[in-house]
Amino acid sequence: MLGNYLIGLREGLEAALVVCILIAYLVKTGRRDALRPVWLGVAAACALSLAFGAALEFGSRELTFEAQEALGGTLSLVSVGLVTWMVFWMRRTARHLRAELHDRLDQALTMGTTALVATAFLAVGREGLETALFVWASVRASGEGTQAPLIGVLLGLATAVLLGWLFYRGALRIDLARFFTVTGALLVVVAAGVLAYGVHDLQEARFLPGLADKAFDVSAAVPPDSWYGTLLKGVLNFQPDPTVLQAVVWCLYVVPVLVLFLRPRRRTATA
């Protein structure tokens, strides 16, 4: 549940900040007439994200076991790729997000209502689709069912909306670069668990070998049904008996990605 709260908080705050920046700019420049198209774009993006999540959840139930595992494993890999790209992109652009959005909005204002709707739709829709896919993959990896993870995501989104509103009202100042660095590092660890579980799905679907080759088994020390086993599973997608391939993939992902993500950024020398 905590891992899904983090997903909802981070992705939701990105979307909330985008909406706040767009609205604040329109209000500041006296273009309140453009607020409705922006809200239409936001609503359409939210609807598409919900529909996509529902399609993933209910559509996969009609498949055979092997087909479900193959689909789940493939989409888990895709979701990890998207999240990895997203955390690096946001770390790089967090400081310049406001200026970038202002430029896009200026261009949209000159093109009319449709462009405004499209700008808001694309800005929010990307976050929504990424969230739906990653949450679905994370729920499969955690094995918690759908209720607890869904509550976690909703609480994260609610927190993000509240923080976004406080940010808009000027009651809260957020160091975006630091916030997205910390949450990004945590998401990389969560994504590593999703990646390992995706590999396990593909092994069960017989797309990858080595299902019977266990790297280790600490089920006796960390029972999956214990409170700490459940906590590790829900937060980090921890598996007490991973296969050799899962353990190798987890290490090959999390170590270099965290090193690259957390390394100090080079500052451009000034003359």
Protein backbone atom coordinates (compact mmCIF):
# COMPACT_ATOMS: atom_id res chain seq x y z
CA MET A 1 0.00 0.00 0.00
CA LEU A 2 2.82 2.42 0.86
CA GLY A 3 4.51 1.84 -2.48
CA ASN A 4 1.28 2.65 -4.30
CA TYR A 5 0.79 5.73 -2.11
CA LEU A 6 4.20 6.90 -3.28
CA ILE A 7 3.24 6.30 -6.91
CA GLY A 8 -0.01 8.23 -6.51
CA LEU A 9 1.73 11.06 -4.65
CA ARG A 10 4.56 11.54 -7.10
CA GLU A 11 2.61 11.13 -10.32
CA GLY A 12 -0.37 13.04 -8.93
CA LEU A 13 1.80 15.93 -7.79
CA GLU A 14 3.42 16.17 -11.21
CA ALA A 15 -0.03 16.44 -12.81
CA ALA A 16 -1.28 18.83 -10.10
CA LEU A 17 1.71 21.13 -10.55
CA VAL A 18 1.20 21.15 -14.30
CA VAL A 19 -2.46 22.14 -13.88
CA CYS A 20 -1.60 24.78 -11.27
CA ILE A 21 1.05 26.35 -13.48
CA LEU A 22 -1.30 26.44 -16.47
CA ILE A 23 -4.16 27.97 -14.49
CA ALA A 24 -1.99 30.48 -12.64
CA TYR A 25 -0.50 31.67 -15.92
CA LEU A 26 -3.90 32.12 -17.54
CA VAL A 27 -5.24 34.02 -14.52
CA LYS A 28 -2.13 36.21 -14.31
CA THR A 29 -2.28 37.11 -18.01
CA GLY A 30 -6.02 37.89 -17.86
CA ARG A 31 -7.06 34.92 -20.01
CA ARG A 32 -9.71 33.45 -17.73
CA ASP A 33 -11.76 32.67 -20.84
CA ALA A 34 -9.21 29.92 -21.59
CA LEU A 35 -9.73 28.16 -18.26
CA ARG A 36 -12.65 26.06 -19.46
CA PRO A 37 -10.76 24.42 -22.35
CA VAL A 38 -7.90 23.63 -19.99
CA TRP A 39 -10.26 21.96 -17.51
CA LEU A 40 -11.88 20.03 -20.36
CA GLY A 41 -8.46 18.71 -21.34
CA VAL A 42 -7.73 17.73 -17.74
CA ALA A 43 -11.08 15.94 -17.40
CA ALA A 44 -10.56 14.06 -20.68
CA ALA A 45 -7.08 12.96 -19.56
CA CYS A 46 -8.44 11.68 -16.23
CA ALA A 47 -11.23 9.78 -18.01
CA LEU A 48 -8.76 8.18 -20.42
CA SER A 49 -6.47 7.12 -17.57
CA LEU A 50 -9.36 5.52 -15.66
CA ALA A 51 -10.55 3.73 -18.79
CA PHE A 52 -7.05 2.47 -19.50
CA GLY A 53 -6.68 1.15 -15.95
CA ALA A 54 -10.08 -0.58 -16.12
CA ALA A 55 -9.19 -2.15 -19.46
CA LEU A 56 -5.97 -3.54 -18.02
CA GLU A 57 -7.68 -4.92 -14.91
CA PHE A 58 -10.80 -6.45 -16.43
CA GLY A 59 -9.49 -7.26 -19.91
CA SER A 60 -6.66 -9.44 -18.59
CA ARG A 61 -9.12 -11.64 -16.66
CA GLU A 62 -10.46 -13.12 -19.90
CA LEU A 63 -7.06 -14.53 -20.89
CA THR A 64 -5.60 -17.95 -20.15
CA PHE A 65 -3.09 -18.26 -17.31
CA GLU A 66 -0.06 -18.27 -19.58
CA ALA A 67 -1.45 -15.37 -21.61
CA GLN A 68 -2.08 -13.40 -18.40
CA GLU A 69 1.47 -14.02 -17.24
CA ALA A 70 2.92 -13.07 -20.62
CA LEU A 71 0.83 -9.88 -20.74
CA GLY A 72 1.60 -9.00 -17.12
CA GLY A 73 5.32 -9.59 -17.57
CA THR A 74 5.51 -7.59 -20.78
CA LEU A 75 3.54 -4.64 -19.39
CA SER A 76 5.62 -4.73 -16.21
CA LEU A 77 8.75 -4.27 -18.30
CA VAL A 78 7.08 -1.45 -20.24
CA SER A 79 5.94 0.28 -17.04
CA VAL A 80 9.43 0.07 -15.53
CA GLY A 81 10.87 1.60 -18.71
CA LEU A 82 8.36 4.45 -18.59
CA VAL A 83 8.90 5.14 -14.90
CA THR A 84 12.68 5.10 -15.33
CA TRP A 85 12.45 7.59 -18.19
CA MET A 86 10.01 9.72 -16.17
CA VAL A 87 12.16 10.03 -13.05
CA PHE A 88 15.21 11.04 -15.07
CA TRP A 89 13.18 13.47 -17.19
CA MET A 90 11.62 15.14 -14.16
CA ARG A 91 14.96 15.40 -12.36
CA ARG A 92 16.37 17.17 -15.39
CA THR A 93 13.44 19.51 -16.06
CA ALA A 94 11.97 20.22 -12.60
CA ARG A 95 13.71 23.60 -12.35
CA HIS A 96 12.51 24.66 -15.81
CA LEU A 97 9.02 23.11 -15.81
CA ARG A 98 7.21 26.43 -15.35
CA ALA A 99 8.95 28.18 -18.26
CA GLU A 100 8.46 25.18 -20.53
CA LEU A 101 4.73 25.04 -19.81
CA HIS A 102 4.36 28.79 -20.29
CA ASP A 103 5.91 28.51 -23.75
CA ARG A 104 3.57 25.68 -24.72
CA LEU A 105 0.56 27.60 -23.43
CA ASP A 106 1.52 30.73 -25.33
CA GLN A 107 1.63 28.71 -28.52
CA ALA A 108 -1.72 27.08 -27.74
CA LEU A 109 -3.38 30.43 -27.03
CA THR A 110 -2.53 31.63 -30.52
CA MET A 111 -3.99 28.47 -32.08
CA GLY A 112 -7.38 28.43 -30.36
CA THR A 113 -9.55 26.32 -28.07
CA THR A 114 -8.64 22.93 -29.53
CA ALA A 115 -4.96 23.55 -28.93
CA LEU A 116 -5.65 24.53 -25.31
CA VAL A 117 -7.61 21.33 -24.71
CA ALA A 118 -4.84 19.30 -26.35
CA THR A 119 -2.12 20.99 -24.28
CA ALA A 120 -3.83 20.21 -20.98
CA PHE A 121 -4.84 16.72 -22.16
CA LEU A 122 -1.33 15.74 -23.20
CA ALA A 123 0.33 17.27 -20.13
CA VAL A 124 -1.95 15.44 -17.67
CA GLY A 125 -2.73 12.38 -19.79
CA ARG A 126 0.87 11.23 -19.92
CA GLU A 127 1.07 11.18 -16.14
CA GLY A 128 -2.30 9.43 -15.88
CA LEU A 129 -1.45 6.64 -18.32
CA GLU A 130 1.94 6.07 -16.70
CA THR A 131 0.27 5.92 -13.28
CA ALA A 132 -2.42 3.46 -14.41
CA LEU A 133 0.11 1.13 -16.01
CA PHE A 134 2.64 1.24 -13.19
CA VAL A 135 0.00 0.81 -10.48
CA TRP A 136 -1.49 -2.17 -12.31
CA ALA A 137 1.94 -3.79 -12.63
CA SER A 138 2.77 -2.98 -9.00
CA VAL A 139 -0.51 -4.49 -7.77
CA ARG A 140 0.27 -7.72 -9.63
CA ALA A 141 3.74 -7.78 -8.12
CA SER A 142 2.58 -7.10 -4.56
CA GLY A 143 -0.13 -9.77 -4.60
CA GLU A 144 -2.24 -7.71 -2.17
CA GLY A 145 -5.43 -7.82 -4.19
CA THR A 146 -6.82 -4.55 -5.47
CA GLN A 147 -8.41 -2.89 -2.42
CA ALA A 148 -5.34 -1.93 -0.36
CA PRO A 149 -3.24 -0.75 -3.34
CA LEU A 150 -6.20 1.24 -4.68
CA ILE A 151 -6.63 2.94 -1.30
CA GLY A 152 -2.93 3.74 -1.29
CA VAL A 153 -3.08 5.28 -4.76
CA LEU A 154 -6.19 7.31 -3.93
CA LEU A 155 -4.61 8.62 -0.71
CA GLY A 156 -1.49 9.55 -2.67
CA LEU A 157 -3.54 11.36 -5.31
CA ALA A 158 -5.56 13.16 -2.63
CA THR A 159 -2.36 14.31 -0.94
CA ALA A 160 -1.02 15.46 -4.30
CA VAL A 161 -4.17 17.49 -5.01
CA LEU A 162 -3.95 19.13 -1.57
CA LEU A 163 -0.26 19.98 -2.04
CA GLY A 164 -1.00 21.30 -5.53
CA TRP A 165 -3.77 23.55 -4.20
CA LEU A 166 -1.52 24.87 -1.41
CA PHE A 167 1.20 25.45 -3.99
CA TYR A 168 -1.24 27.41 -6.16
CA ARG A 169 -2.46 29.50 -3.23
CA GLY A 170 1.12 30.38 -2.29
CA ALA A 171 0.79 28.69 1.11
CA LEU A 172 3.43 26.10 0.29
CA ARG A 173 6.82 26.33 -1.32
CA ILE A 174 8.23 23.09 -2.71
CA ASP A 175 11.83 22.43 -3.62
CA LEU A 176 10.80 20.49 -6.71
CA ALA A 177 14.30 19.33 -7.59
CA ARG A 178 14.86 17.82 -4.14
CA PHE A 179 11.35 16.37 -3.88
CA PHE A 180 11.55 14.59 -7.23
CA THR A 181 15.08 13.36 -6.46
CA VAL A 182 14.02 11.70 -3.19
CA THR A 183 10.78 10.23 -4.51
CA GLY A 184 12.49 9.25 -7.75
CA ALA A 185 15.10 7.21 -5.89
CA LEU A 186 12.36 5.44 -3.92
CA LEU A 187 10.44 4.74 -7.11
CA VAL A 188 13.52 3.20 -8.69
CA VAL A 189 13.60 0.64 -5.86
CA VAL A 190 9.87 -0.03 -6.27
CA ALA A 191 10.36 -0.35 -10.03
CA ALA A 192 13.14 -2.88 -9.48
CA GLY A 193 10.68 -5.10 -7.64
CA VAL A 194 8.13 -4.73 -10.42
CA LEU A 195 10.83 -5.59 -12.97
CA ALA A 196 11.82 -8.74 -11.07
CA TYR A 197 8.20 -9.81 -10.80
CA GLY A 198 7.70 -9.14 -14.52
CA VAL A 199 10.61 -11.49 -15.23
CA HIS A 200 8.93 -14.09 -13.00
CA ASP A 201 5.70 -13.70 -14.98
CA LEU A 202 7.57 -14.30 -18.23
CA GLN A 203 9.21 -17.36 -16.68
CA GLU A 204 5.80 -18.73 -15.71
CA ALA A 205 4.57 -18.02 -19.23
CA ARG A 206 7.58 -20.05 -20.48
CA PHE A 207 9.00 -17.09 -22.35
CA LEU A 208 12.11 -17.14 -20.16
CA PRO A 209 13.92 -20.13 -18.62
CA GLY A 210 15.05 -20.81 -15.05
CA LEU A 211 11.75 -20.89 -13.13
CA ALA A 212 12.99 -23.73 -10.90
CA ASP A 213 16.41 -22.18 -10.23
CA LYS A 214 16.14 -20.31 -6.93
CA ALA A 215 18.74 -17.70 -6.01
CA PHE A 216 17.88 -18.08 -2.30
CA ASP A 217 14.92 -18.84 -0.09
CA VAL A 218 14.40 -16.89 3.15
CA SER A 219 10.73 -17.81 3.54
CA ALA A 220 11.44 -19.28 6.98
CA ALA A 221 13.06 -16.05 8.21
CA VAL A 222 10.66 -13.72 6.36
CA PRO A 223 7.31 -15.53 6.10
CA PRO A 224 5.21 -13.96 3.32
CA ASP A 225 2.15 -13.89 5.61
CA SER A 226 3.96 -12.15 8.50
CA TRP A 227 3.45 -8.44 9.11
CA TYR A 228 7.03 -7.61 8.10
CA GLY A 229 6.86 -9.93 5.10
CA THR A 230 3.64 -8.24 4.01
CA LEU A 231 5.22 -4.80 4.58
CA LEU A 232 8.28 -5.66 2.48
CA LYS A 233 6.08 -7.15 -0.21
CA GLY A 234 3.74 -4.16 -0.32
CA VAL A 235 6.46 -1.49 -0.25
CA LEU A 236 9.37 -3.02 -2.16
CA ASN A 237 7.68 -5.98 -3.91
CA PHE A 238 10.10 -8.18 -1.97
CA GLN A 239 10.02 -11.90 -2.80
CA PRO A 240 11.60 -14.33 -0.29
CA ASP A 241 12.40 -16.97 -2.93
CA PRO A 242 13.35 -15.26 -6.23
CA THR A 243 14.81 -17.14 -9.14
CA VAL A 244 18.41 -16.59 -10.15
CA LEU A 245 17.31 -14.59 -13.18
CA GLN A 246 15.08 -12.36 -11.04
CA ALA A 247 17.91 -11.61 -8.62
CA VAL A 248 20.35 -10.87 -11.43
CA VAL A 249 17.89 -8.58 -13.23
CA TRP A 250 17.04 -6.75 -9.97
CA CYS A 251 20.72 -6.04 -9.28
CA LEU A 252 21.53 -5.11 -12.89
CA TYR A 253 18.69 -2.57 -12.82
CA VAL A 254 18.72 -0.98 -9.41
CA VAL A 255 22.48 -0.49 -8.92
CA PRO A 256 23.39 1.36 -12.15
CA VAL A 257 20.09 3.27 -12.30
CA LEU A 258 20.44 4.57 -8.73
CA VAL A 259 24.09 5.47 -9.32
CA LEU A 260 23.22 7.42 -12.46
CA PHE A 261 20.15 9.01 -10.91
CA LEU A 262 21.82 10.15 -7.67
CA ARG A 263 25.12 11.32 -9.11
CA PRO A 264 25.69 15.08 -8.73
CA ARG A 265 24.68 17.07 -11.75
CA ARG A 266 27.40 18.98 -13.53
CA ARG A 267 26.93 22.70 -13.53
CA THR A 268 27.68 24.59 -16.70
CA ALA A 269 30.75 26.74 -16.22
CA THR A 270 30.15 30.43 -16.63
CA ALA A 271 32.60 32.70 -18.36
